[in-house]
Amino acid sequence: MIPELSSFNYIFPDPAKSSSEGLVAWGGDLNPDRILSAYIQGIFPWYNENDPILWWSPDPRLVLYPKDIKISKSLARSMKKFEIKIDTNFEKVMKKCREVRVQKNEGTWILEEIIEAYTVIFERGLAKSFEVYFKDELVGGLYGIDLGKIFCGESMFATKSDASKTALVYLARYCLENGYEMIDCQVPSDHLKRMGAVEIPRSEFLKSLNKYLNYSS
């Protein structure tokens, strides 16, 4: 049975004891402190509208080590046409991630309540957005939670070819330049694997998370 979270504290069950599917718990709320408590334990919220809040820690986990980012020759050429900005339009990046998914008739967990909570976390300096512009138009980007040595990627979008790939490349470069050890990509994705991401056991991810967070503190 999947445990329900208490409304009185931000304690989560041990994610290492959840199934390989990774559902750790349900319920609770989207208080930014609860969300941050989840991330430092390798857990994240992911659910559909009208469903209860679901909290996940999948096995295996998809991660990207910044030094392993793969940049094809065609992508390297394509990137030259874009302008990159960081943390100038966080909320709009989230909304564009949602908008693009809806336009493709894909489900989205980026609900208004999620946007509000993550924007508060951003305002605390604990989330970041990487934005890609073409002729002053926002055409791609990504956002995620910033844990200091680990960047927890949440979602990305593109309305112009190679824009989301460009955002990922600049995220990896930013991580390399600022001493980040890992980019958490959460769940397997062929697109991200082609960019250099790899699957690792959840146990290895949780061990690395604990190591890097202790180091960064």
C-alpha atoms as a PDB file:
ATOM      1  CA  MET A   1       0.000   0.000   0.000  1.00  0.00           C
ATOM      2  CA  ILE A   2       1.332   3.446  -0.953  1.00  0.00           C
ATOM      3  CA  PRO A   3       1.484   5.655   2.171  1.00  0.00           C
ATOM      4  CA  GLU A   4      -0.312   8.987   2.394  1.00  0.00           C
ATOM      5  CA  LEU A   5       1.781  11.959   3.492  1.00  0.00           C
ATOM      6  CA  SER A   6       1.013  13.797   6.692  1.00  0.00           C
ATOM      7  CA  SER A   7      -0.237  17.367   6.448  1.00  0.00           C
ATOM      8  CA  PHE A   8       1.685  18.209   9.637  1.00  0.00           C
ATOM      9  CA  ASN A   9       5.263  17.490   8.558  1.00  0.00           C
ATOM     10  CA  TYR A  10       7.412  17.032   5.467  1.00  0.00           C
ATOM     11  CA  ILE A  11       8.663  13.525   6.218  1.00  0.00           C
ATOM     12  CA  PHE A  12       8.727  11.102   3.273  1.00  0.00           C
ATOM     13  CA  PRO A  13       9.022   7.308   3.242  1.00  0.00           C
ATOM     14  CA  ASP A  14      12.430   5.934   2.290  1.00  0.00           C
ATOM     15  CA  PRO A  15      12.478   6.020  -1.532  1.00  0.00           C
ATOM     16  CA  ALA A  16      14.903   3.090  -1.601  1.00  0.00           C
ATOM     17  CA  LYS A  17      12.065   0.887  -0.342  1.00  0.00           C
ATOM     18  CA  SER A  18       9.564   1.832  -3.042  1.00  0.00           C
ATOM     19  CA  SER A  19       8.889  -0.278  -6.121  1.00  0.00           C
ATOM     20  CA  SER A  20      10.952   0.006  -9.304  1.00  0.00           C
ATOM     21  CA  GLU A  21       8.049   2.015 -10.737  1.00  0.00           C
ATOM     22  CA  GLY A  22       9.014   4.507  -8.077  1.00  0.00           C
ATOM     23  CA  LEU A  23       5.789   5.701  -6.462  1.00  0.00           C
ATOM     24  CA  VAL A  24       6.892   6.708  -2.956  1.00  0.00           C
ATOM     25  CA  ALA A  25       3.793   8.378  -1.506  1.00  0.00           C
ATOM     26  CA  TRP A  26       0.690  10.393  -2.293  1.00  0.00           C
ATOM     27  CA  GLY A  27      -1.059  13.403  -0.832  1.00  0.00           C
ATOM     28  CA  GLY A  28       0.386  16.233   1.183  1.00  0.00           C
ATOM     29  CA  ASP A  29       0.597  19.626  -0.501  1.00  0.00           C
ATOM     30  CA  LEU A  30       2.845  21.725  -2.711  1.00  0.00           C
ATOM     31  CA  ASN A  31       4.312  23.890   0.000  1.00  0.00           C
ATOM     32  CA  PRO A  32       7.750  24.884  -1.341  1.00  0.00           C
ATOM     33  CA  ASP A  33       9.380  23.500   1.813  1.00  0.00           C
ATOM     34  CA  ARG A  34       7.769  20.104   1.196  1.00  0.00           C
ATOM     35  CA  ILE A  35       8.891  20.146  -2.439  1.00  0.00           C
ATOM     36  CA  LEU A  36      12.480  20.986  -1.466  1.00  0.00           C
ATOM     37  CA  SER A  37      12.427  18.292   1.224  1.00  0.00           C
ATOM     38  CA  ALA A  38      11.385  15.835  -1.473  1.00  0.00           C
ATOM     39  CA  TYR A  39      14.158  16.782  -3.879  1.00  0.00           C
ATOM     40  CA  ILE A  40      16.940  16.439  -1.331  1.00  0.00           C
ATOM     41  CA  GLN A  41      15.688  12.883  -0.777  1.00  0.00           C
ATOM     42  CA  GLY A  42      15.585  12.051  -4.487  1.00  0.00           C
ATOM     43  CA  ILE A  43      11.803  12.430  -4.777  1.00  0.00           C
ATOM     44  CA  PHE A  44       9.730  14.675  -7.042  1.00  0.00           C
ATOM     45  CA  PRO A  45       6.004  15.390  -7.599  1.00  0.00           C
ATOM     46  CA  TRP A  46       4.441  14.181 -10.839  1.00  0.00           C
ATOM     47  CA  TYR A  47       0.690  13.817 -11.325  1.00  0.00           C
ATOM     48  CA  ASN A  48      -2.200  14.729 -13.605  1.00  0.00           C
ATOM     49  CA  GLU A  49      -4.910  17.295 -13.077  1.00  0.00           C
ATOM     50  CA  ASN A  50      -7.720  16.064 -10.798  1.00  0.00           C
ATOM     51  CA  ASP A  51      -5.447  13.339  -9.388  1.00  0.00           C
ATOM     52  CA  PRO A  52      -3.961  13.406  -5.888  1.00  0.00           C
ATOM     53  CA  ILE A  53      -0.374  14.649  -5.676  1.00  0.00           C
ATOM     54  CA  LEU A  54       1.945  11.708  -6.405  1.00  0.00           C
ATOM     55  CA  TRP A  55       5.595  11.609  -5.299  1.00  0.00           C
ATOM     56  CA  TRP A  56       8.132   9.563  -7.282  1.00  0.00           C
ATOM     57  CA  SER A  57      11.654   8.180  -7.144  1.00  0.00           C
ATOM     58  CA  PRO A  58      12.009   5.860 -10.163  1.00  0.00           C
ATOM     59  CA  ASP A  59      14.451   3.003 -10.621  1.00  0.00           C
ATOM     60  CA  PRO A  60      16.505   3.297 -12.763  1.00  0.00           C
ATOM     61  CA  ARG A  61      17.190   7.037 -12.731  1.00  0.00           C
ATOM     62  CA  LEU A  62      18.285   9.004 -15.782  1.00  0.00           C
ATOM     63  CA  VAL A  63      21.208  11.353 -15.122  1.00  0.00           C
ATOM     64  CA  LEU A  64      23.593  13.444 -17.186  1.00  0.00           C
ATOM     65  CA  TYR A  65      27.131  14.068 -16.014  1.00  0.00           C
ATOM     66  CA  PRO A  66      27.951  17.560 -17.353  1.00  0.00           C
ATOM     67  CA  LYS A  67      31.276  16.522 -18.880  1.00  0.00           C
ATOM     68  CA  ASP A  68      29.509  13.859 -20.950  1.00  0.00           C
ATOM     69  CA  ILE A  69      27.204  16.192 -22.890  1.00  0.00           C
ATOM     70  CA  LYS A  70      27.201  15.262 -26.587  1.00  0.00           C
ATOM     71  CA  ILE A  71      27.147  18.039 -29.161  1.00  0.00           C
ATOM     72  CA  SER A  72      26.840  17.014 -32.792  1.00  0.00           C
ATOM     73  CA  LYS A  73      28.440  19.125 -35.513  1.00  0.00           C
ATOM     74  CA  SER A  74      25.013  20.154 -36.790  1.00  0.00           C
ATOM     75  CA  LEU A  75      23.908  21.199 -33.288  1.00  0.00           C
ATOM     76  CA  ALA A  76      27.116  23.186 -32.783  1.00  0.00           C
ATOM     77  CA  ARG A  77      26.340  25.109 -35.983  1.00  0.00           C
ATOM     78  CA  SER A  78      22.687  25.563 -35.070  1.00  0.00           C
ATOM     79  CA  MET A  79      23.478  26.923 -31.605  1.00  0.00           C
ATOM     80  CA  LYS A  80      25.233  29.943 -33.087  1.00  0.00           C
ATOM     81  CA  LYS A  81      21.944  31.513 -34.148  1.00  0.00           C
ATOM     82  CA  PHE A  82      20.534  31.628 -30.615  1.00  0.00           C
ATOM     83  CA  GLU A  83      20.933  33.984 -27.679  1.00  0.00           C
ATOM     84  CA  ILE A  84      21.068  32.362 -24.243  1.00  0.00           C
ATOM     85  CA  LYS A  85      19.881  33.885 -20.992  1.00  0.00           C
ATOM     86  CA  ILE A  86      19.679  32.491 -17.472  1.00  0.00           C
ATOM     87  CA  ASP A  87      17.011  33.230 -14.854  1.00  0.00           C
ATOM     88  CA  THR A  88      15.374  36.130 -16.699  1.00  0.00           C
ATOM     89  CA  ASN A  89      11.998  34.520 -17.464  1.00  0.00           C
ATOM     90  CA  PHE A  90      11.514  31.534 -15.173  1.00  0.00           C
ATOM     91  CA  GLU A  91       7.724  31.539 -14.978  1.00  0.00           C
ATOM     92  CA  LYS A  92       7.334  31.973 -18.742  1.00  0.00           C
ATOM     93  CA  VAL A  93       9.631  29.005 -19.361  1.00  0.00           C
ATOM     94  CA  MET A  94       7.386  26.868 -17.158  1.00  0.00           C
ATOM     95  CA  LYS A  95       4.290  28.082 -18.961  1.00  0.00           C
ATOM     96  CA  LYS A  96       5.836  27.425 -22.373  1.00  0.00           C
ATOM     97  CA  CYS A  97       6.778  23.894 -21.286  1.00  0.00           C
ATOM     98  CA  ARG A  98       3.119  23.353 -20.422  1.00  0.00           C
ATOM     99  CA  GLU A  99       1.811  25.071 -23.550  1.00  0.00           C
ATOM    100  CA  VAL A 100       3.919  23.036 -25.955  1.00  0.00           C
ATOM    101  CA  ARG A 101       2.894  19.758 -24.327  1.00  0.00           C
ATOM    102  CA  VAL A 102      -0.786  20.718 -24.526  1.00  0.00           C
ATOM    103  CA  GLN A 103      -0.424  21.672 -28.198  1.00  0.00           C
ATOM    104  CA  LYS A 104       1.015  18.211 -28.866  1.00  0.00           C
ATOM    105  CA  ASN A 105      -1.916  16.603 -26.997  1.00  0.00           C
ATOM    106  CA  GLU A 106       0.508  15.282 -24.412  1.00  0.00           C
ATOM    107  CA  GLY A 107      -0.418  15.098 -20.753  1.00  0.00           C
ATOM    108  CA  THR A 108       1.096  17.692 -18.464  1.00  0.00           C
ATOM    109  CA  TRP A 109       1.826  17.845 -14.761  1.00  0.00           C
ATOM    110  CA  ILE A 110       2.784  21.527 -15.059  1.00  0.00           C
ATOM    111  CA  LEU A 111      -0.448  22.761 -13.526  1.00  0.00           C
ATOM    112  CA  GLU A 112      -1.018  26.283 -12.282  1.00  0.00           C
ATOM    113  CA  GLU A 113      -0.400  25.167  -8.690  1.00  0.00           C
ATOM    114  CA  ILE A 114       2.944  23.656  -9.749  1.00  0.00           C
ATOM    115  CA  ILE A 115       3.937  26.880 -11.501  1.00  0.00           C
ATOM    116  CA  GLU A 116       3.079  28.929  -8.415  1.00  0.00           C
ATOM    117  CA  ALA A 117       5.068  26.673  -6.067  1.00  0.00           C
ATOM    118  CA  TYR A 118       8.156  26.442  -8.263  1.00  0.00           C
ATOM    119  CA  THR A 119       8.128  30.181  -8.877  1.00  0.00           C
ATOM    120  CA  VAL A 120       8.330  30.710  -5.117  1.00  0.00           C
ATOM    121  CA  ILE A 121      11.284  28.310  -5.014  1.00  0.00           C
ATOM    122  CA  PHE A 122      12.894  30.272  -7.853  1.00  0.00           C
ATOM    123  CA  GLU A 123      12.397  33.512  -5.940  1.00  0.00           C
ATOM    124  CA  ARG A 124      14.268  31.893  -3.041  1.00  0.00           C
ATOM    125  CA  GLY A 125      17.210  31.277  -5.369  1.00  0.00           C
ATOM    126  CA  LEU A 126      16.737  27.501  -5.399  1.00  0.00           C
ATOM    127  CA  ALA A 127      15.556  27.015  -8.974  1.00  0.00           C
ATOM    128  CA  LYS A 128      16.900  28.129 -12.335  1.00  0.00           C
ATOM    129  CA  SER A 129      15.810  28.567 -15.929  1.00  0.00           C
ATOM    130  CA  PHE A 130      17.921  28.459 -19.081  1.00  0.00           C
ATOM    131  CA  GLU A 131      16.277  30.414 -21.882  1.00  0.00           C
ATOM    132  CA  VAL A 132      16.918  30.322 -25.625  1.00  0.00           C
ATOM    133  CA  TYR A 133      15.973  33.308 -27.781  1.00  0.00           C
ATOM    134  CA  PHE A 134      15.833  33.809 -31.523  1.00  0.00           C
ATOM    135  CA  LYS A 135      15.337  37.391 -32.693  1.00  0.00           C
ATOM    136  CA  ASP A 136      14.207  38.328 -29.174  1.00  0.00           C
ATOM    137  CA  GLU A 137      11.560  35.585 -29.097  1.00  0.00           C
ATOM    138  CA  LEU A 138      11.671  32.867 -26.440  1.00  0.00           C
ATOM    139  CA  VAL A 139      11.876  29.694 -28.545  1.00  0.00           C
ATOM    140  CA  GLY A 140      13.254  27.157 -26.089  1.00  0.00           C
ATOM    141  CA  GLY A 141      14.332  26.548 -22.549  1.00  0.00           C
ATOM    142  CA  LEU A 142      14.365  24.369 -19.488  1.00  0.00           C
ATOM    143  CA  TYR A 143      13.928  24.785 -15.746  1.00  0.00           C
ATOM    144  CA  GLY A 144      14.673  22.843 -12.600  1.00  0.00           C
ATOM    145  CA  ILE A 145      15.586  22.778  -8.934  1.00  0.00           C
ATOM    146  CA  ASP A 146      19.103  23.882  -8.004  1.00  0.00           C
ATOM    147  CA  LEU A 147      20.626  21.864  -5.151  1.00  0.00           C
ATOM    148  CA  GLY A 148      24.106  23.341  -5.423  1.00  0.00           C
ATOM    149  CA  LYS A 149      26.012  20.288  -6.666  1.00  0.00           C
ATOM    150  CA  ILE A 150      23.071  18.715  -8.471  1.00  0.00           C
ATOM    151  CA  PHE A 151      20.650  20.334 -10.889  1.00  0.00           C
ATOM    152  CA  CYS A 152      17.291  18.569 -10.976  1.00  0.00           C
ATOM    153  CA  GLY A 153      15.883  19.119 -14.442  1.00  0.00           C
ATOM    154  CA  GLU A 154      12.097  19.311 -14.615  1.00  0.00           C
ATOM    155  CA  SER A 155      10.995  20.043 -18.158  1.00  0.00           C
ATOM    156  CA  MET A 156      12.153  21.604 -21.417  1.00  0.00           C
ATOM    157  CA  PHE A 157      10.501  22.949 -24.541  1.00  0.00           C
ATOM    158  CA  ALA A 158      11.304  24.101 -28.062  1.00  0.00           C
ATOM    159  CA  THR A 159       9.297  25.943 -30.687  1.00  0.00           C
ATOM    160  CA  LYS A 160      12.300  26.123 -33.023  1.00  0.00           C
ATOM    161  CA  SER A 161      14.552  23.261 -34.049  1.00  0.00           C
ATOM    162  CA  ASP A 162      17.482  22.588 -31.667  1.00  0.00           C
ATOM    163  CA  ALA A 163      16.334  25.194 -29.122  1.00  0.00           C
ATOM    164  CA  SER A 164      15.809  22.738 -26.242  1.00  0.00           C
ATOM    165  CA  LYS A 165      19.069  20.943 -27.094  1.00  0.00           C
ATOM    166  CA  THR A 166      20.821  24.311 -26.949  1.00  0.00           C
ATOM    167  CA  ALA A 167      19.357  24.969 -23.497  1.00  0.00           C
ATOM    168  CA  LEU A 168      20.640  21.586 -22.295  1.00  0.00           C
ATOM    169  CA  VAL A 169      24.123  22.237 -23.657  1.00  0.00           C
ATOM    170  CA  TYR A 170      24.306  25.574 -21.871  1.00  0.00           C
ATOM    171  CA  LEU A 171      23.018  23.988 -18.675  1.00  0.00           C
ATOM    172  CA  ALA A 172      25.806  21.385 -18.889  1.00  0.00           C
ATOM    173  CA  ARG A 173      28.384  24.110 -19.518  1.00  0.00           C
ATOM    174  CA  TYR A 174      27.058  26.138 -16.587  1.00  0.00           C
ATOM    175  CA  CYS A 175      27.285  23.052 -14.364  1.00  0.00           C
ATOM    176  CA  LEU A 176      30.874  22.375 -15.451  1.00  0.00           C
ATOM    177  CA  GLU A 177      31.904  25.965 -14.803  1.00  0.00           C
ATOM    178  CA  ASN A 178      30.267  26.061 -11.377  1.00  0.00           C
ATOM    179  CA  GLY A 179      31.231  22.716  -9.896  1.00  0.00           C
ATOM    180  CA  TYR A 180      28.005  20.758 -10.295  1.00  0.00           C
ATOM    181  CA  GLU A 181      28.441  17.000 -10.299  1.00  0.00           C
ATOM    182  CA  MET A 182      25.234  15.777 -11.895  1.00  0.00           C
ATOM    183  CA  ILE A 183      22.089  16.751 -13.780  1.00  0.00           C
ATOM    184  CA  ASP A 184      19.101  14.687 -12.687  1.00  0.00           C
ATOM    185  CA  CYS A 185      16.923  13.936 -15.719  1.00  0.00           C
ATOM    186  CA  GLN A 186      14.508  11.772 -13.686  1.00  0.00           C
ATOM    187  CA  VAL A 187      13.035   9.236 -16.131  1.00  0.00           C
ATOM    188  CA  PRO A 188      14.452   7.490 -19.229  1.00  0.00           C
ATOM    189  CA  SER A 189      14.285   9.482 -22.486  1.00  0.00           C
ATOM    190  CA  ASP A 190      15.805   8.500 -25.822  1.00  0.00           C
ATOM    191  CA  HIS A 191      16.233  12.181 -26.681  1.00  0.00           C
ATOM    192  CA  LEU A 192      18.293  12.827 -23.553  1.00  0.00           C
ATOM    193  CA  LYS A 193      20.271   9.612 -23.971  1.00  0.00           C
ATOM    194  CA  ARG A 194      21.374  10.807 -27.380  1.00  0.00           C
ATOM    195  CA  MET A 195      22.635  13.945 -25.629  1.00  0.00           C
ATOM    196  CA  GLY A 196      24.735  11.864 -23.219  1.00  0.00           C
ATOM    197  CA  ALA A 197      22.383  10.972 -20.366  1.00  0.00           C
ATOM    198  CA  VAL A 198      22.652   7.486 -18.848  1.00  0.00           C
ATOM    199  CA  GLU A 199      20.502   5.301 -16.640  1.00  0.00           C
ATOM    200  CA  ILE A 200      21.830   4.383 -13.209  1.00  0.00           C
ATOM    201  CA  PRO A 201      20.263   2.311 -10.403  1.00  0.00           C
ATOM    202  CA  ARG A 202      18.186   4.316  -7.954  1.00  0.00           C
ATOM    203  CA  SER A 203      20.438   3.120  -5.149  1.00  0.00           C
ATOM    204  CA  GLU A 204      23.452   4.650  -6.895  1.00  0.00           C
ATOM    205  CA  PHE A 205      21.571   7.892  -7.528  1.00  0.00           C
ATOM    206  CA  LEU A 206      20.499   8.196  -3.881  1.00  0.00           C
ATOM    207  CA  LYS A 207      24.043   7.492  -2.711  1.00  0.00           C
ATOM    208  CA  SER A 208      25.439  10.174  -5.037  1.00  0.00           C
ATOM    209  CA  LEU A 209      22.732  12.613  -3.987  1.00  0.00           C
ATOM    210  CA  ASN A 210      23.610  12.180  -0.335  1.00  0.00           C
ATOM    211  CA  LYS A 211      27.327  12.527  -1.075  1.00  0.00           C
ATOM    212  CA  TYR A 212      27.010  15.653  -3.178  1.00  0.00           C
ATOM    213  CA  LEU A 213      24.539  17.389  -0.879  1.00  0.00           C
ATOM    214  CA  ASN A 214      26.744  16.749   2.145  1.00  0.00           C
ATOM    215  CA  TYR A 215      29.722  18.036   0.183  1.00  0.00           C
ATOM    216  CA  SER A 216      27.921  21.198  -0.917  1.00  0.00           C
ATOM    217  CA  SER A 217      26.841  21.989   2.643  1.00  0.00           C
END
